[in-house]
N, C-alpha and C. Protein backbone atom coordinates (compact mmCIF):
# COMPACT_ATOMS: atom_id res chain seq x y z
N MET A 1 21.15 34.88 18.96
CA MET A 1 21.06 34.47 17.58
C MET A 1 21.74 35.54 16.73
N SER A 2 22.73 35.15 15.96
CA SER A 2 23.44 36.12 15.14
C SER A 2 22.64 36.46 13.89
N LYS A 3 23.03 37.54 13.24
CA LYS A 3 22.36 37.94 12.00
C LYS A 3 22.51 36.87 10.94
N TYR A 4 23.67 36.18 10.93
CA TYR A 4 23.90 35.13 9.95
C TYR A 4 22.96 33.96 10.16
N LEU A 5 22.67 33.65 11.42
CA LEU A 5 21.73 32.58 11.71
C LEU A 5 20.33 32.96 11.25
N VAL A 6 19.95 34.20 11.45
CA VAL A 6 18.64 34.68 11.01
C VAL A 6 18.53 34.55 9.50
N ILE A 7 19.58 34.95 8.78
CA ILE A 7 19.59 34.84 7.32
C ILE A 7 19.51 33.38 6.90
N ALA A 8 20.26 32.51 7.59
CA ALA A 8 20.24 31.08 7.27
C ALA A 8 18.85 30.49 7.46
N VAL A 9 18.18 30.88 8.54
CA VAL A 9 16.83 30.38 8.79
C VAL A 9 15.89 30.81 7.67
N CYS A 10 16.01 32.04 7.23
CA CYS A 10 15.16 32.53 6.13
C CYS A 10 15.41 31.75 4.85
N ILE A 11 16.66 31.47 4.56
CA ILE A 11 17.00 30.71 3.36
C ILE A 11 16.43 29.30 3.44
N VAL A 12 16.56 28.67 4.59
CA VAL A 12 16.02 27.31 4.76
C VAL A 12 14.51 27.31 4.52
N PHE A 13 13.80 28.29 5.07
CA PHE A 13 12.35 28.35 4.86
C PHE A 13 12.03 28.54 3.39
N ALA A 14 12.81 29.33 2.68
CA ALA A 14 12.57 29.55 1.26
C ALA A 14 12.82 28.27 0.46
N ILE A 15 13.82 27.51 0.85
CA ILE A 15 14.17 26.30 0.11
C ILE A 15 13.13 25.21 0.32
N ILE A 16 12.74 24.96 1.56
CA ILE A 16 11.82 23.85 1.81
C ILE A 16 10.36 24.24 1.63
N ARG A 17 10.09 25.51 1.39
CA ARG A 17 8.75 26.00 1.12
C ARG A 17 7.74 25.51 2.14
N CYS A 18 7.97 25.85 3.36
CA CYS A 18 7.09 25.46 4.46
C CYS A 18 5.72 26.10 4.29
N GLN A 19 4.74 25.51 4.91
CA GLN A 19 3.40 26.06 4.89
C GLN A 19 3.25 27.07 6.03
N ALA A 20 4.20 27.99 6.12
CA ALA A 20 4.19 28.97 7.19
C ALA A 20 4.94 30.22 6.74
N TYR A 21 4.80 31.29 7.50
CA TYR A 21 5.59 32.49 7.25
C TYR A 21 6.29 32.88 8.54
N GLN A 22 7.30 33.71 8.39
CA GLN A 22 8.06 34.20 9.54
C GLN A 22 8.46 35.64 9.23
N TYR A 23 8.39 36.49 10.24
CA TYR A 23 8.89 37.86 10.08
C TYR A 23 9.51 38.33 11.38
N PHE A 24 10.32 39.38 11.26
CA PHE A 24 11.07 39.92 12.39
C PHE A 24 10.68 41.37 12.58
N ILE A 25 10.46 41.77 13.83
CA ILE A 25 10.16 43.15 14.17
C ILE A 25 11.27 43.65 15.09
N PRO A 26 12.09 44.60 14.64
CA PRO A 26 13.13 45.12 15.54
C PRO A 26 12.50 45.94 16.66
N VAL A 27 13.00 45.75 17.87
CA VAL A 27 12.54 46.54 19.01
C VAL A 27 13.45 47.76 19.08
N LEU A 28 12.86 48.93 18.87
CA LEU A 28 13.64 50.17 18.78
C LEU A 28 13.86 50.80 20.14
N GLY A 29 14.88 51.61 20.23
CA GLY A 29 15.19 52.31 21.48
C GLY A 29 16.16 51.51 22.33
N ASN A 30 16.39 51.99 23.51
CA ASN A 30 17.32 51.33 24.44
C ASN A 30 16.59 50.37 25.36
N LYS A 31 15.75 49.57 24.80
CA LYS A 31 14.98 48.62 25.61
C LYS A 31 15.78 47.34 25.81
N ASN A 32 15.50 46.64 26.88
CA ASN A 32 16.12 45.33 27.10
C ASN A 32 15.06 44.24 27.18
N ASP A 33 13.88 44.52 26.60
CA ASP A 33 12.81 43.54 26.55
C ASP A 33 11.92 43.84 25.35
N CYS A 34 10.87 43.05 25.17
CA CYS A 34 9.92 43.23 24.07
C CYS A 34 8.58 43.66 24.65
N ASP A 35 8.36 44.94 24.73
CA ASP A 35 7.10 45.46 25.25
C ASP A 35 6.72 44.80 26.57
N SER A 36 7.62 44.86 27.53
CA SER A 36 7.45 44.29 28.88
C SER A 36 7.49 42.77 28.92
N ARG A 37 7.88 42.14 27.84
CA ARG A 37 8.07 40.69 27.83
C ARG A 37 9.57 40.42 27.83
N PRO A 38 10.05 39.56 28.72
CA PRO A 38 11.50 39.31 28.79
C PRO A 38 12.03 38.57 27.56
N VAL A 39 13.33 38.72 27.32
CA VAL A 39 13.99 38.00 26.23
C VAL A 39 13.76 36.50 26.43
N ASP A 40 13.54 35.79 25.34
CA ASP A 40 13.26 34.35 25.28
C ASP A 40 11.83 33.98 25.67
N SER A 41 10.99 34.97 25.99
CA SER A 41 9.60 34.64 26.29
C SER A 41 8.83 34.38 24.99
N VAL A 42 7.83 33.53 25.08
CA VAL A 42 7.00 33.17 23.93
C VAL A 42 5.55 33.49 24.28
N TRP A 43 4.82 34.04 23.32
CA TRP A 43 3.40 34.30 23.50
C TRP A 43 2.68 34.10 22.18
N TYR A 44 1.36 34.06 22.23
CA TYR A 44 0.56 33.75 21.05
C TYR A 44 -0.45 34.85 20.80
N ASP A 45 -0.66 35.15 19.52
CA ASP A 45 -1.73 36.05 19.10
C ASP A 45 -2.74 35.17 18.36
N ASP A 46 -3.72 34.69 19.09
CA ASP A 46 -4.69 33.76 18.50
C ASP A 46 -5.57 34.43 17.45
N SER A 47 -5.73 35.75 17.50
CA SER A 47 -6.55 36.43 16.49
C SER A 47 -5.88 36.38 15.11
N LYS A 48 -4.54 36.31 15.08
CA LYS A 48 -3.79 36.21 13.82
C LYS A 48 -3.22 34.81 13.61
N CYS A 49 -3.41 33.93 14.56
CA CYS A 49 -2.84 32.58 14.54
C CYS A 49 -1.33 32.67 14.38
N GLU A 50 -0.69 33.39 15.32
CA GLU A 50 0.76 33.57 15.29
C GLU A 50 1.39 33.22 16.64
N LYS A 51 2.62 32.75 16.55
CA LYS A 51 3.46 32.52 17.73
C LYS A 51 4.56 33.58 17.67
N LEU A 52 4.79 34.27 18.79
CA LEU A 52 5.80 35.33 18.83
C LEU A 52 6.82 35.02 19.92
N LYS A 53 8.06 35.44 19.68
CA LYS A 53 9.12 35.21 20.65
C LYS A 53 10.02 36.44 20.69
N CYS A 54 10.44 36.80 21.89
CA CYS A 54 11.39 37.91 22.08
C CYS A 54 12.80 37.32 22.00
N VAL A 55 13.60 37.82 21.06
CA VAL A 55 14.92 37.24 20.78
C VAL A 55 16.00 38.31 20.87
N LEU A 56 17.10 37.97 21.53
CA LEU A 56 18.28 38.84 21.58
C LEU A 56 19.27 38.32 20.56
N SER A 57 19.67 39.18 19.61
CA SER A 57 20.65 38.83 18.58
C SER A 57 21.80 39.82 18.67
N GLY A 58 22.90 39.40 19.28
CA GLY A 58 24.00 40.33 19.53
C GLY A 58 23.56 41.36 20.54
N THR A 59 23.49 42.61 20.10
CA THR A 59 23.02 43.68 20.98
C THR A 59 21.62 44.15 20.60
N GLU A 60 21.02 43.52 19.60
CA GLU A 60 19.70 43.93 19.13
C GLU A 60 18.63 42.95 19.61
N ILE A 61 17.44 43.50 19.84
CA ILE A 61 16.31 42.68 20.26
C ILE A 61 15.26 42.70 19.16
N PHE A 62 14.71 41.53 18.87
CA PHE A 62 13.69 41.36 17.84
C PHE A 62 12.51 40.59 18.40
N ILE A 63 11.35 40.84 17.83
CA ILE A 63 10.21 39.95 18.02
C ILE A 63 10.16 39.11 16.76
N VAL A 64 10.23 37.80 16.93
CA VAL A 64 10.16 36.87 15.80
C VAL A 64 8.76 36.27 15.81
N ALA A 65 8.06 36.40 14.69
CA ALA A 65 6.69 35.90 14.58
C ALA A 65 6.60 34.78 13.55
N HIS A 66 5.83 33.76 13.87
CA HIS A 66 5.56 32.65 12.96
C HIS A 66 4.05 32.56 12.80
N GLY A 67 3.60 32.33 11.57
CA GLY A 67 2.17 32.19 11.32
C GLY A 67 1.90 31.24 10.17
N CYS A 68 0.64 31.02 9.89
CA CYS A 68 0.21 30.08 8.84
C CYS A 68 0.21 30.78 7.49
N SER A 69 0.61 30.07 6.47
CA SER A 69 0.53 30.64 5.13
C SER A 69 -0.80 30.26 4.50
N LYS A 70 -1.11 30.90 3.39
CA LYS A 70 -2.32 30.53 2.65
C LYS A 70 -2.05 29.20 1.97
N VAL A 71 -3.07 28.38 1.89
CA VAL A 71 -2.91 27.03 1.35
C VAL A 71 -3.82 26.87 0.14
N ASP A 72 -3.25 26.42 -0.97
CA ASP A 72 -4.06 26.06 -2.14
C ASP A 72 -4.62 24.67 -1.92
N HIS A 73 -5.78 24.42 -2.50
CA HIS A 73 -6.38 23.10 -2.32
C HIS A 73 -7.17 22.72 -3.57
N PRO A 74 -7.31 21.43 -3.83
CA PRO A 74 -8.09 20.97 -4.99
C PRO A 74 -9.55 21.38 -4.86
N GLU A 75 -10.27 21.32 -5.98
CA GLU A 75 -11.67 21.74 -6.00
C GLU A 75 -12.56 20.92 -5.08
N ASN A 76 -12.23 19.64 -4.90
CA ASN A 76 -13.09 18.80 -4.06
C ASN A 76 -12.71 18.90 -2.58
N CYS A 77 -11.91 19.91 -2.25
CA CYS A 77 -11.47 20.10 -0.86
C CYS A 77 -11.89 21.48 -0.37
N GLN A 78 -11.92 21.63 0.94
CA GLN A 78 -12.23 22.93 1.53
C GLN A 78 -11.29 23.18 2.71
N LEU A 79 -11.12 24.45 3.04
CA LEU A 79 -10.31 24.82 4.19
C LEU A 79 -11.18 24.84 5.44
N VAL A 80 -10.68 24.21 6.47
CA VAL A 80 -11.39 24.16 7.75
C VAL A 80 -10.52 24.83 8.80
N PRO A 81 -11.05 25.84 9.51
CA PRO A 81 -10.23 26.51 10.52
C PRO A 81 -9.80 25.55 11.62
N GLY A 82 -8.55 25.69 12.04
CA GLY A 82 -8.05 24.90 13.16
C GLY A 82 -8.50 25.50 14.48
N LYS A 83 -8.21 24.81 15.56
CA LYS A 83 -8.61 25.28 16.89
C LYS A 83 -7.39 25.32 17.78
N GLY A 84 -7.29 26.36 18.59
CA GLY A 84 -6.18 26.48 19.53
C GLY A 84 -5.18 27.53 19.08
N SER A 85 -4.00 27.49 19.67
CA SER A 85 -2.93 28.43 19.35
C SER A 85 -2.05 27.86 18.25
N TYR A 86 -1.24 28.74 17.64
CA TYR A 86 -0.34 28.34 16.55
C TYR A 86 0.50 27.15 16.97
N PRO A 87 0.66 26.15 16.15
CA PRO A 87 0.19 25.97 14.77
C PRO A 87 -1.15 25.26 14.66
N LYS A 88 -1.77 24.92 15.78
CA LYS A 88 -3.04 24.19 15.74
C LYS A 88 -4.17 25.00 15.12
N CYS A 89 -4.06 26.33 15.13
CA CYS A 89 -5.11 27.18 14.59
C CYS A 89 -5.02 27.35 13.08
N CYS A 90 -3.96 26.83 12.45
CA CYS A 90 -3.82 26.94 10.99
C CYS A 90 -4.94 26.17 10.30
N ASN A 91 -5.36 26.70 9.14
CA ASN A 91 -6.40 26.02 8.36
C ASN A 91 -5.92 24.64 7.94
N GLN A 92 -6.83 23.69 7.94
CA GLN A 92 -6.56 22.33 7.49
C GLN A 92 -7.37 22.08 6.22
N ILE A 93 -6.88 21.19 5.39
CA ILE A 93 -7.60 20.84 4.16
C ILE A 93 -8.42 19.58 4.42
N GLU A 94 -9.71 19.67 4.11
CA GLU A 94 -10.60 18.52 4.20
C GLU A 94 -11.13 18.23 2.81
N CYS A 95 -10.93 17.01 2.36
CA CYS A 95 -11.35 16.63 1.01
C CYS A 95 -12.46 15.60 1.08
N SER A 96 -13.34 15.68 0.09
CA SER A 96 -14.40 14.68 -0.01
C SER A 96 -14.08 13.77 -1.18
N ASP A 97 -14.56 12.57 -1.11
CA ASP A 97 -14.37 11.61 -2.19
C ASP A 97 -15.32 12.00 -3.32
N ASP A 98 -14.80 12.16 -4.55
CA ASP A 98 -15.63 12.56 -5.69
C ASP A 98 -16.79 11.59 -5.91
N ASN A 99 -16.52 10.30 -5.79
CA ASN A 99 -17.57 9.31 -5.99
C ASN A 99 -18.67 9.46 -4.95
N GLU A 100 -18.30 9.72 -3.73
CA GLU A 100 -19.28 9.87 -2.66
C GLU A 100 -20.16 11.09 -2.93
N GLU A 101 -19.55 12.19 -3.41
CA GLU A 101 -20.32 13.40 -3.72
C GLU A 101 -21.32 13.13 -4.84
N GLU A 102 -20.88 12.42 -5.89
CA GLU A 102 -21.76 12.12 -7.01
C GLU A 102 -22.92 11.24 -6.56
N MET A 103 -22.64 10.28 -5.70
CA MET A 103 -23.69 9.40 -5.21
C MET A 103 -24.70 10.18 -4.39
N MET A 104 -24.24 11.13 -3.59
CA MET A 104 -25.15 11.92 -2.76
C MET A 104 -26.04 12.80 -3.63
N SER A 105 -25.51 13.32 -4.75
CA SER A 105 -26.30 14.20 -5.60
C SER A 105 -27.34 13.42 -6.41
N LEU A 106 -27.17 12.10 -6.55
CA LEU A 106 -28.14 11.29 -7.27
C LEU A 106 -29.35 10.95 -6.43
N ASP A 107 -29.23 11.02 -5.13
CA ASP A 107 -30.35 10.65 -4.24
C ASP A 107 -31.48 11.65 -4.28
């Protein structure tokens, strides 16, 4: 993946305003892998709800991470944690019907 492709991907994410974030960690030194993980390998950090990949770009190696962004929600909605690895672990929005809530409070 060239540096121009990395820049293009960042621009696309900024334009479409995805409900996710992405960051790059350069692997320093004369390594040919990502902390004992081979190039093109994918792994998950479930504690942060992130997907990580070891990427070779020209002569440089990066860890590319993807994770969930914070989500705004209406007052009658709540965030519910997802289950599993990224992206399934991202929070989901669950909304209640206002009329149903009012009816329940009248009982």
